Each structure stands twice: as C-alpha cells, then as structure tokens.
N, C-alpha and C. Protein backbone atom coordinates (compact mmCIF):
# COMPACT_ATOMS: atom_id res chain seq x y z
N UNK A 1 27.21 211.67 -116.83
CA UNK A 1 27.78 212.74 -117.62
C UNK A 1 27.06 212.76 -118.97
N UNK A 2 26.56 213.89 -119.33
CA UNK A 2 25.84 214.06 -120.59
C UNK A 2 26.83 214.60 -121.62
N UNK A 3 26.94 213.93 -122.75
CA UNK A 3 27.91 214.34 -123.76
C UNK A 3 27.28 215.23 -124.81
N UNK A 4 26.04 214.95 -125.19
CA UNK A 4 25.42 215.73 -126.25
C UNK A 4 25.00 217.10 -125.71
N UNK A 5 25.16 218.12 -126.55
CA UNK A 5 24.74 219.48 -126.22
C UNK A 5 24.02 220.04 -127.43
N UNK A 6 23.55 221.25 -127.27
CA UNK A 6 22.97 221.95 -128.41
C UNK A 6 24.08 222.31 -129.38
N UNK A 7 23.94 221.97 -130.63
CA UNK A 7 24.95 222.26 -131.64
C UNK A 7 24.50 223.50 -132.40
N UNK A 8 25.29 224.57 -132.32
CA UNK A 8 24.88 225.85 -132.90
C UNK A 8 25.58 226.20 -134.20
N UNK A 9 26.86 225.86 -134.34
CA UNK A 9 27.56 226.12 -135.58
C UNK A 9 28.23 227.48 -135.67
N UNK A 10 28.66 228.05 -134.56
CA UNK A 10 29.41 229.30 -134.60
C UNK A 10 30.75 229.08 -135.29
N UNK A 11 31.27 230.11 -135.98
CA UNK A 11 32.49 229.98 -136.76
C UNK A 11 33.74 229.79 -135.92
N UNK A 12 34.70 229.08 -136.50
CA UNK A 12 36.00 228.85 -135.88
C UNK A 12 36.96 228.50 -137.01
N UNK A 13 38.21 228.85 -136.88
CA UNK A 13 39.15 228.60 -137.97
C UNK A 13 39.47 227.11 -138.08
N UNK A 14 39.87 226.71 -139.28
CA UNK A 14 40.26 225.31 -139.51
C UNK A 14 41.44 224.92 -138.62
N UNK A 15 42.36 225.85 -138.40
CA UNK A 15 43.52 225.57 -137.55
C UNK A 15 43.08 225.31 -136.10
N UNK A 16 42.10 226.08 -135.63
CA UNK A 16 41.59 225.86 -134.27
C UNK A 16 40.87 224.51 -134.16
N UNK A 17 40.11 224.16 -135.20
CA UNK A 17 39.42 222.87 -135.22
C UNK A 17 40.44 221.74 -135.17
N UNK A 18 41.45 221.84 -136.03
CA UNK A 18 42.49 220.81 -136.07
C UNK A 18 43.18 220.69 -134.71
N UNK A 19 43.48 221.82 -134.10
CA UNK A 19 44.13 221.82 -132.79
C UNK A 19 43.26 221.16 -131.72
N UNK A 20 41.96 221.47 -131.73
CA UNK A 20 41.05 220.87 -130.76
C UNK A 20 40.94 219.35 -130.97
N UNK A 21 40.86 218.94 -132.23
CA UNK A 21 40.78 217.50 -132.52
C UNK A 21 42.05 216.78 -132.06
N UNK A 22 43.19 217.35 -132.36
CA UNK A 22 44.46 216.73 -131.94
C UNK A 22 44.57 216.69 -130.42
N UNK A 23 44.17 217.78 -129.77
CA UNK A 23 44.22 217.82 -128.31
C UNK A 23 43.28 216.77 -127.73
N UNK A 24 42.08 216.65 -128.31
CA UNK A 24 41.12 215.64 -127.84
C UNK A 24 41.68 214.24 -127.99
N UNK A 25 42.32 213.94 -129.12
CA UNK A 25 42.91 212.61 -129.34
C UNK A 25 44.01 212.34 -128.31
N UNK A 26 44.83 213.35 -128.05
CA UNK A 26 45.90 213.20 -127.06
C UNK A 26 45.31 212.91 -125.68
N UNK A 27 44.25 213.62 -125.33
CA UNK A 27 43.61 213.42 -124.04
C UNK A 27 42.98 212.02 -123.94
N UNK A 28 42.46 211.51 -125.04
CA UNK A 28 41.93 210.14 -125.05
C UNK A 28 43.06 209.15 -124.77
N UNK A 29 44.20 209.34 -125.47
CA UNK A 29 45.35 208.44 -125.24
C UNK A 29 45.81 208.49 -123.78
N UNK A 30 45.68 209.66 -123.15
CA UNK A 30 46.05 209.83 -121.74
C UNK A 30 44.93 209.40 -120.80
N UNK A 31 43.81 208.95 -121.37
CA UNK A 31 42.63 208.52 -120.64
C UNK A 31 42.01 209.63 -119.80
N UNK A 32 42.19 210.86 -120.25
CA UNK A 32 41.53 212.01 -119.63
C UNK A 32 40.26 212.28 -120.43
N UNK A 33 39.28 211.40 -120.23
CA UNK A 33 38.08 211.43 -121.05
C UNK A 33 37.21 212.68 -120.87
N UNK A 34 37.01 213.19 -119.66
CA UNK A 34 36.19 214.40 -119.53
C UNK A 34 36.78 215.59 -120.31
N UNK A 35 38.09 215.77 -120.26
CA UNK A 35 38.72 216.87 -120.99
C UNK A 35 38.64 216.62 -122.51
N UNK A 36 38.78 215.37 -122.91
CA UNK A 36 38.66 215.02 -124.34
C UNK A 36 37.25 215.33 -124.83
N UNK A 37 36.26 214.98 -124.02
CA UNK A 37 34.87 215.27 -124.39
C UNK A 37 34.69 216.76 -124.64
N UNK A 38 35.24 217.57 -123.77
CA UNK A 38 35.12 219.03 -123.93
C UNK A 38 35.70 219.49 -125.27
N UNK A 39 36.85 218.94 -125.64
CA UNK A 39 37.46 219.31 -126.93
C UNK A 39 36.55 218.94 -128.09
N UNK A 40 36.04 217.72 -128.09
CA UNK A 40 35.22 217.26 -129.20
C UNK A 40 33.86 217.96 -129.24
N UNK A 41 33.32 218.28 -128.07
CA UNK A 41 32.05 219.03 -128.02
C UNK A 41 32.27 220.42 -128.61
N UNK A 42 33.39 221.05 -128.28
CA UNK A 42 33.68 222.38 -128.85
C UNK A 42 33.73 222.32 -130.37
N UNK A 43 34.37 221.28 -130.90
CA UNK A 43 34.43 221.13 -132.35
C UNK A 43 33.03 220.95 -132.92
N UNK A 44 32.24 220.06 -132.31
CA UNK A 44 30.88 219.81 -132.80
C UNK A 44 30.00 221.06 -132.71
N UNK A 45 30.20 221.85 -131.67
CA UNK A 45 29.42 223.09 -131.53
C UNK A 45 29.83 224.11 -132.58
N UNK A 46 31.11 224.20 -132.84
CA UNK A 46 31.61 225.21 -133.77
C UNK A 46 31.53 224.77 -135.22
N UNK A 47 31.59 223.47 -135.43
CA UNK A 47 31.58 222.93 -136.80
C UNK A 47 30.66 221.70 -136.81
N UNK A 48 29.35 221.92 -136.84
CA UNK A 48 28.40 220.83 -136.67
C UNK A 48 28.37 219.79 -137.80
N UNK A 49 29.17 219.97 -138.83
CA UNK A 49 29.27 218.97 -139.90
C UNK A 49 30.59 218.21 -139.82
N UNK A 50 31.23 218.27 -138.66
CA UNK A 50 32.51 217.59 -138.48
C UNK A 50 32.28 216.16 -138.00
N UNK A 51 32.34 215.22 -138.93
CA UNK A 51 32.07 213.82 -138.63
C UNK A 51 33.06 213.25 -137.61
N UNK A 52 34.31 213.70 -137.66
CA UNK A 52 35.31 213.18 -136.74
C UNK A 52 34.96 213.50 -135.29
N UNK A 53 34.43 214.70 -135.06
CA UNK A 53 34.03 215.08 -133.70
C UNK A 53 32.92 214.17 -133.19
N UNK A 54 31.92 213.90 -134.04
CA UNK A 54 30.81 213.05 -133.62
C UNK A 54 31.27 211.61 -133.41
N UNK A 55 32.16 211.13 -134.26
CA UNK A 55 32.70 209.78 -134.09
C UNK A 55 33.46 209.70 -132.76
N UNK A 56 34.26 210.70 -132.47
CA UNK A 56 35.03 210.70 -131.22
C UNK A 56 34.11 210.77 -130.00
N UNK A 57 33.06 211.57 -130.08
CA UNK A 57 32.10 211.64 -128.98
C UNK A 57 31.37 210.30 -128.83
N UNK A 58 31.10 209.65 -129.95
CA UNK A 58 30.49 208.32 -129.89
C UNK A 58 31.40 207.33 -129.20
N UNK A 59 32.68 207.38 -129.55
CA UNK A 59 33.66 206.50 -128.91
C UNK A 59 33.69 206.72 -127.40
N UNK A 60 33.66 207.97 -126.98
CA UNK A 60 33.71 208.27 -125.55
C UNK A 60 32.40 207.87 -124.87
N UNK A 61 31.28 208.04 -125.54
CA UNK A 61 30.00 207.57 -124.98
C UNK A 61 30.06 206.06 -124.79
N UNK A 62 30.62 205.36 -125.78
CA UNK A 62 30.77 203.91 -125.70
C UNK A 62 31.63 203.55 -124.49
N UNK A 63 32.72 204.30 -124.29
CA UNK A 63 33.62 204.06 -123.14
C UNK A 63 32.87 204.17 -121.82
N UNK A 64 31.91 205.12 -121.77
CA UNK A 64 31.12 205.34 -120.55
C UNK A 64 29.87 204.44 -120.52
N UNK A 65 29.80 203.50 -121.46
CA UNK A 65 28.69 202.55 -121.55
C UNK A 65 27.35 203.24 -121.79
N UNK A 66 27.38 204.37 -122.45
CA UNK A 66 26.16 205.07 -122.86
C UNK A 66 25.90 204.68 -124.31
N UNK A 67 25.43 203.45 -124.47
CA UNK A 67 25.37 202.83 -125.79
C UNK A 67 24.38 203.53 -126.73
N UNK A 68 23.24 203.96 -126.22
CA UNK A 68 22.27 204.65 -127.09
C UNK A 68 22.84 205.99 -127.57
N UNK A 69 23.50 206.71 -126.68
CA UNK A 69 24.15 207.97 -127.09
C UNK A 69 25.23 207.68 -128.12
N UNK A 70 26.04 206.65 -127.86
CA UNK A 70 27.10 206.28 -128.80
C UNK A 70 26.51 205.96 -130.16
N UNK A 71 25.43 205.19 -130.17
CA UNK A 71 24.77 204.81 -131.41
C UNK A 71 24.36 206.06 -132.20
N UNK A 72 23.71 207.00 -131.54
CA UNK A 72 23.24 208.23 -132.21
C UNK A 72 24.41 209.06 -132.74
N UNK A 73 25.48 209.12 -131.97
CA UNK A 73 26.64 209.92 -132.39
C UNK A 73 27.36 209.27 -133.57
N UNK A 74 27.52 207.94 -133.55
CA UNK A 74 28.14 207.26 -134.70
C UNK A 74 27.24 207.40 -135.93
N UNK A 75 25.94 207.29 -135.72
CA UNK A 75 25.00 207.47 -136.84
C UNK A 75 25.16 208.85 -137.46
N UNK A 76 25.29 209.85 -136.60
CA UNK A 76 25.47 211.23 -137.08
C UNK A 76 26.77 211.36 -137.87
N UNK A 77 27.83 210.74 -137.39
CA UNK A 77 29.11 210.78 -138.10
C UNK A 77 28.98 210.15 -139.49
N UNK A 78 28.28 209.03 -139.57
CA UNK A 78 28.10 208.35 -140.87
C UNK A 78 27.16 209.16 -141.76
N UNK A 79 26.15 209.77 -141.17
CA UNK A 79 25.24 210.62 -141.95
C UNK A 79 26.01 211.80 -142.58
N UNK A 80 26.93 212.35 -141.81
CA UNK A 80 27.72 213.49 -142.30
C UNK A 80 28.76 213.05 -143.32
N UNK A 81 29.32 211.87 -143.14
CA UNK A 81 30.37 211.37 -144.02
C UNK A 81 30.13 209.87 -144.26
N UNK A 82 29.30 209.54 -145.25
CA UNK A 82 28.91 208.14 -145.48
C UNK A 82 30.07 207.19 -145.78
N UNK A 83 31.22 207.70 -146.15
CA UNK A 83 32.37 206.85 -146.46
C UNK A 83 33.37 206.76 -145.30
N UNK A 84 32.97 207.17 -144.12
CA UNK A 84 33.84 207.19 -142.94
C UNK A 84 33.90 205.77 -142.37
N UNK A 85 34.92 205.03 -142.76
CA UNK A 85 35.04 203.61 -142.41
C UNK A 85 35.13 203.42 -140.89
N UNK A 86 35.91 204.23 -140.20
CA UNK A 86 36.02 204.07 -138.74
C UNK A 86 34.67 204.24 -138.06
N UNK A 87 33.89 205.21 -138.50
CA UNK A 87 32.56 205.44 -137.92
C UNK A 87 31.64 204.26 -138.23
N UNK A 88 31.73 203.70 -139.44
CA UNK A 88 30.92 202.53 -139.78
C UNK A 88 31.29 201.34 -138.90
N UNK A 89 32.58 201.13 -138.67
CA UNK A 89 33.01 200.04 -137.80
C UNK A 89 32.53 200.27 -136.37
N UNK A 90 32.61 201.51 -135.92
CA UNK A 90 32.13 201.83 -134.57
C UNK A 90 30.61 201.64 -134.47
N UNK A 91 29.90 202.01 -135.54
CA UNK A 91 28.45 201.83 -135.57
C UNK A 91 28.11 200.33 -135.55
N UNK A 92 28.90 199.54 -136.24
CA UNK A 92 28.74 198.08 -136.16
C UNK A 92 28.89 197.62 -134.71
N UNK A 93 29.97 198.06 -134.08
CA UNK A 93 30.28 197.60 -132.73
C UNK A 93 29.16 197.93 -131.75
N UNK A 94 28.69 199.16 -131.77
CA UNK A 94 27.64 199.55 -130.83
C UNK A 94 26.32 198.88 -131.20
N UNK A 95 26.03 198.72 -132.49
CA UNK A 95 24.80 198.04 -132.90
C UNK A 95 24.80 196.60 -132.40
N UNK A 96 25.92 195.95 -132.52
CA UNK A 96 26.05 194.57 -132.06
C UNK A 96 25.84 194.50 -130.55
N UNK A 97 26.37 195.48 -129.83
CA UNK A 97 26.26 195.50 -128.37
C UNK A 97 24.86 195.80 -127.87
N UNK A 98 24.03 196.43 -128.70
CA UNK A 98 22.64 196.68 -128.30
C UNK A 98 21.70 195.70 -129.00
N UNK A 99 22.28 194.58 -129.46
CA UNK A 99 21.53 193.46 -130.03
C UNK A 99 20.76 193.81 -131.30
N UNK A 100 21.38 194.62 -132.13
CA UNK A 100 20.84 194.91 -133.46
C UNK A 100 21.77 194.26 -134.48
N UNK A 101 21.88 192.93 -134.39
CA UNK A 101 22.87 192.19 -135.17
C UNK A 101 22.71 192.36 -136.68
N UNK A 102 21.47 192.30 -137.18
CA UNK A 102 21.24 192.43 -138.63
C UNK A 102 21.69 193.81 -139.11
N UNK A 103 21.37 194.81 -138.34
CA UNK A 103 21.80 196.17 -138.67
C UNK A 103 23.32 196.29 -138.58
N UNK A 104 23.88 195.68 -137.56
CA UNK A 104 25.33 195.72 -137.36
C UNK A 104 26.06 195.15 -138.57
N UNK A 105 25.59 194.04 -139.06
CA UNK A 105 26.22 193.39 -140.21
C UNK A 105 26.20 194.30 -141.44
N UNK A 106 25.12 195.04 -141.60
CA UNK A 106 24.99 195.97 -142.73
C UNK A 106 26.11 197.03 -142.69
N UNK A 107 26.40 197.54 -141.51
CA UNK A 107 27.45 198.56 -141.38
C UNK A 107 28.83 197.97 -141.67
N UNK A 108 29.04 196.77 -141.20
CA UNK A 108 30.33 196.12 -141.42
C UNK A 108 30.54 195.81 -142.90
N UNK A 109 29.50 195.34 -143.55
CA UNK A 109 29.60 195.05 -144.99
C UNK A 109 29.88 196.33 -145.78
N UNK A 110 29.25 197.42 -145.38
CA UNK A 110 29.50 198.71 -146.05
C UNK A 110 30.94 199.16 -145.86
N UNK A 111 31.48 198.99 -144.67
CA UNK A 111 32.88 199.34 -144.40
C UNK A 111 33.81 198.51 -145.28
N UNK A 112 33.49 197.25 -145.44
CA UNK A 112 34.31 196.37 -146.27
C UNK A 112 34.23 196.77 -147.74
N UNK A 113 33.07 197.18 -148.20
CA UNK A 113 32.93 197.66 -149.59
C UNK A 113 33.81 198.88 -149.81
N UNK A 114 33.87 199.75 -148.81
CA UNK A 114 34.66 200.98 -148.95
C UNK A 114 36.15 200.70 -148.86
N UNK A 115 36.53 199.68 -148.08
CA UNK A 115 37.94 199.35 -147.93
C UNK A 115 38.10 197.83 -147.95
N UNK A 116 38.19 197.24 -149.16
CA UNK A 116 38.28 195.78 -149.28
C UNK A 116 39.55 195.18 -148.67
N UNK A 117 40.53 196.01 -148.33
CA UNK A 117 41.78 195.51 -147.75
C UNK A 117 41.65 195.17 -146.27
N UNK A 118 40.50 195.43 -145.68
CA UNK A 118 40.30 195.16 -144.26
C UNK A 118 39.89 193.70 -144.08
N UNK A 119 40.87 192.82 -144.13
CA UNK A 119 40.59 191.38 -144.08
C UNK A 119 39.96 190.97 -142.75
N UNK A 120 40.28 191.68 -141.67
CA UNK A 120 39.68 191.31 -140.38
C UNK A 120 38.17 191.53 -140.40
N UNK A 121 37.71 192.50 -141.19
CA UNK A 121 36.27 192.73 -141.30
C UNK A 121 35.60 191.55 -141.99
N UNK A 122 36.21 191.06 -143.05
CA UNK A 122 35.65 189.91 -143.75
C UNK A 122 35.58 188.71 -142.82
N UNK A 123 36.60 188.52 -141.98
CA UNK A 123 36.60 187.40 -141.03
C UNK A 123 35.45 187.55 -140.03
N UNK A 124 35.21 188.77 -139.56
CA UNK A 124 34.11 189.01 -138.62
C UNK A 124 32.77 188.73 -139.29
N UNK A 125 32.61 189.20 -140.52
CA UNK A 125 31.36 188.96 -141.27
C UNK A 125 31.13 187.46 -141.43
N UNK A 126 32.16 186.73 -141.84
CA UNK A 126 32.04 185.28 -142.00
C UNK A 126 31.66 184.60 -140.69
N UNK A 127 32.26 185.04 -139.60
CA UNK A 127 31.96 184.47 -138.29
C UNK A 127 30.51 184.75 -137.90
N UNK A 128 30.05 185.98 -138.12
CA UNK A 128 28.66 186.32 -137.78
C UNK A 128 27.67 185.53 -138.62
N UNK A 129 27.97 185.39 -139.91
CA UNK A 129 27.09 184.63 -140.78
C UNK A 129 27.06 183.16 -140.36
N UNK A 130 28.21 182.63 -139.98
CA UNK A 130 28.28 181.25 -139.52
C UNK A 130 27.47 181.05 -138.24
N UNK A 131 27.60 181.99 -137.31
CA UNK A 131 26.83 181.92 -136.06
C UNK A 131 25.33 182.00 -136.34
N UNK A 132 24.95 182.87 -137.28
CA UNK A 132 23.54 183.00 -137.64
C UNK A 132 23.01 181.71 -138.23
N UNK A 133 23.82 181.06 -139.08
CA UNK A 133 23.42 179.78 -139.68
C UNK A 133 23.23 178.72 -138.59
N UNK A 134 24.14 178.68 -137.61
CA UNK A 134 24.04 177.69 -136.53
C UNK A 134 22.80 177.95 -135.69
N UNK A 135 22.52 179.22 -135.40
CA UNK A 135 21.34 179.57 -134.60
C UNK A 135 20.07 179.18 -135.35
N UNK A 136 20.04 179.47 -136.64
CA UNK A 136 18.88 179.11 -137.46
C UNK A 136 18.69 177.60 -137.50
N UNK A 137 19.76 176.86 -137.64
CA UNK A 137 19.70 175.40 -137.69
C UNK A 137 19.19 174.86 -136.35
N UNK A 138 19.58 175.47 -135.24
CA UNK A 138 19.15 175.00 -133.93
C UNK A 138 17.66 175.25 -133.72
N UNK A 139 17.13 176.35 -134.25
CA UNK A 139 15.70 176.62 -134.08
C UNK A 139 14.85 175.74 -134.97
N UNK A 140 15.41 175.23 -136.05
CA UNK A 140 14.68 174.35 -136.96
C UNK A 140 14.57 172.95 -136.38
N UNK A 141 15.60 172.51 -135.66
CA UNK A 141 15.66 171.14 -135.13
C UNK A 141 14.66 170.92 -134.06
C-alpha cells in the first residue's frame, strides 16, 4: 500500500480539516488503518502545510513497517512545524529503527529542549548514551 500521493493544496475549510483529522484519529483507534490513511491523505492534499497529517501518515507507515516512508513523512512534519514534539519523538523512533542512532539522539534531545517535563525522554537519552559508552569501551579493549 502506497501512502504518499501528489500533494496539490486545493482549498478546504478549517472545519472540514478538523473533521477529517478527528475521523482519522478515531479510525486509528479502531485499527481501521486504510480508512485512516485516506482521511490523512485528504488533509495533506488539501492542506499541504498540515504537520499533523504528515505525522499521522508517518505513524501509519511505521505501523505497516514502511520505515523509509515513515522517516520522510515525520521529517516533513518536523520541517513544517519544528516545535512539534510528537513528530520529533516519532522521528527519533524511526531513525533508531533504521540504525541512524546518532541522528535519532539529536531528535530526542530537541524534543526534550522543547518540553523539559518529559522525564521519560531524559531516561532514554541517558540509556542511549550509556549504551554508546559501553560499545565504545568494548571496541577499545
């Protein structure tokens, strides 16, 4: 299943966008992913600067194990809204899964800078740094 389409930017009301986003979220909760994809694609087509739509499509790509697509979609969400913490965390997750650990850590640190109250992020960063130190120590020995 291909999630990305040509994004044209035809007009749509804010109420319609909100309705499509809410419907897409509901469909995700119901695990009706193909229908959710359609909702988020419609938003992205009609409002190509909607970071939430790209983040949601990235999440669904990740669910379908289309990691490169997910990576590009999360990147687009962050490009559109650099302070979007959820998209940064998702970008961390997919980066880590495609073995871009150094890049992944950068996204997680940025999310923590934007929201210092996310203590679980600091714990993950500390764990990753600790693992990196152990790996480095093992290669030196």
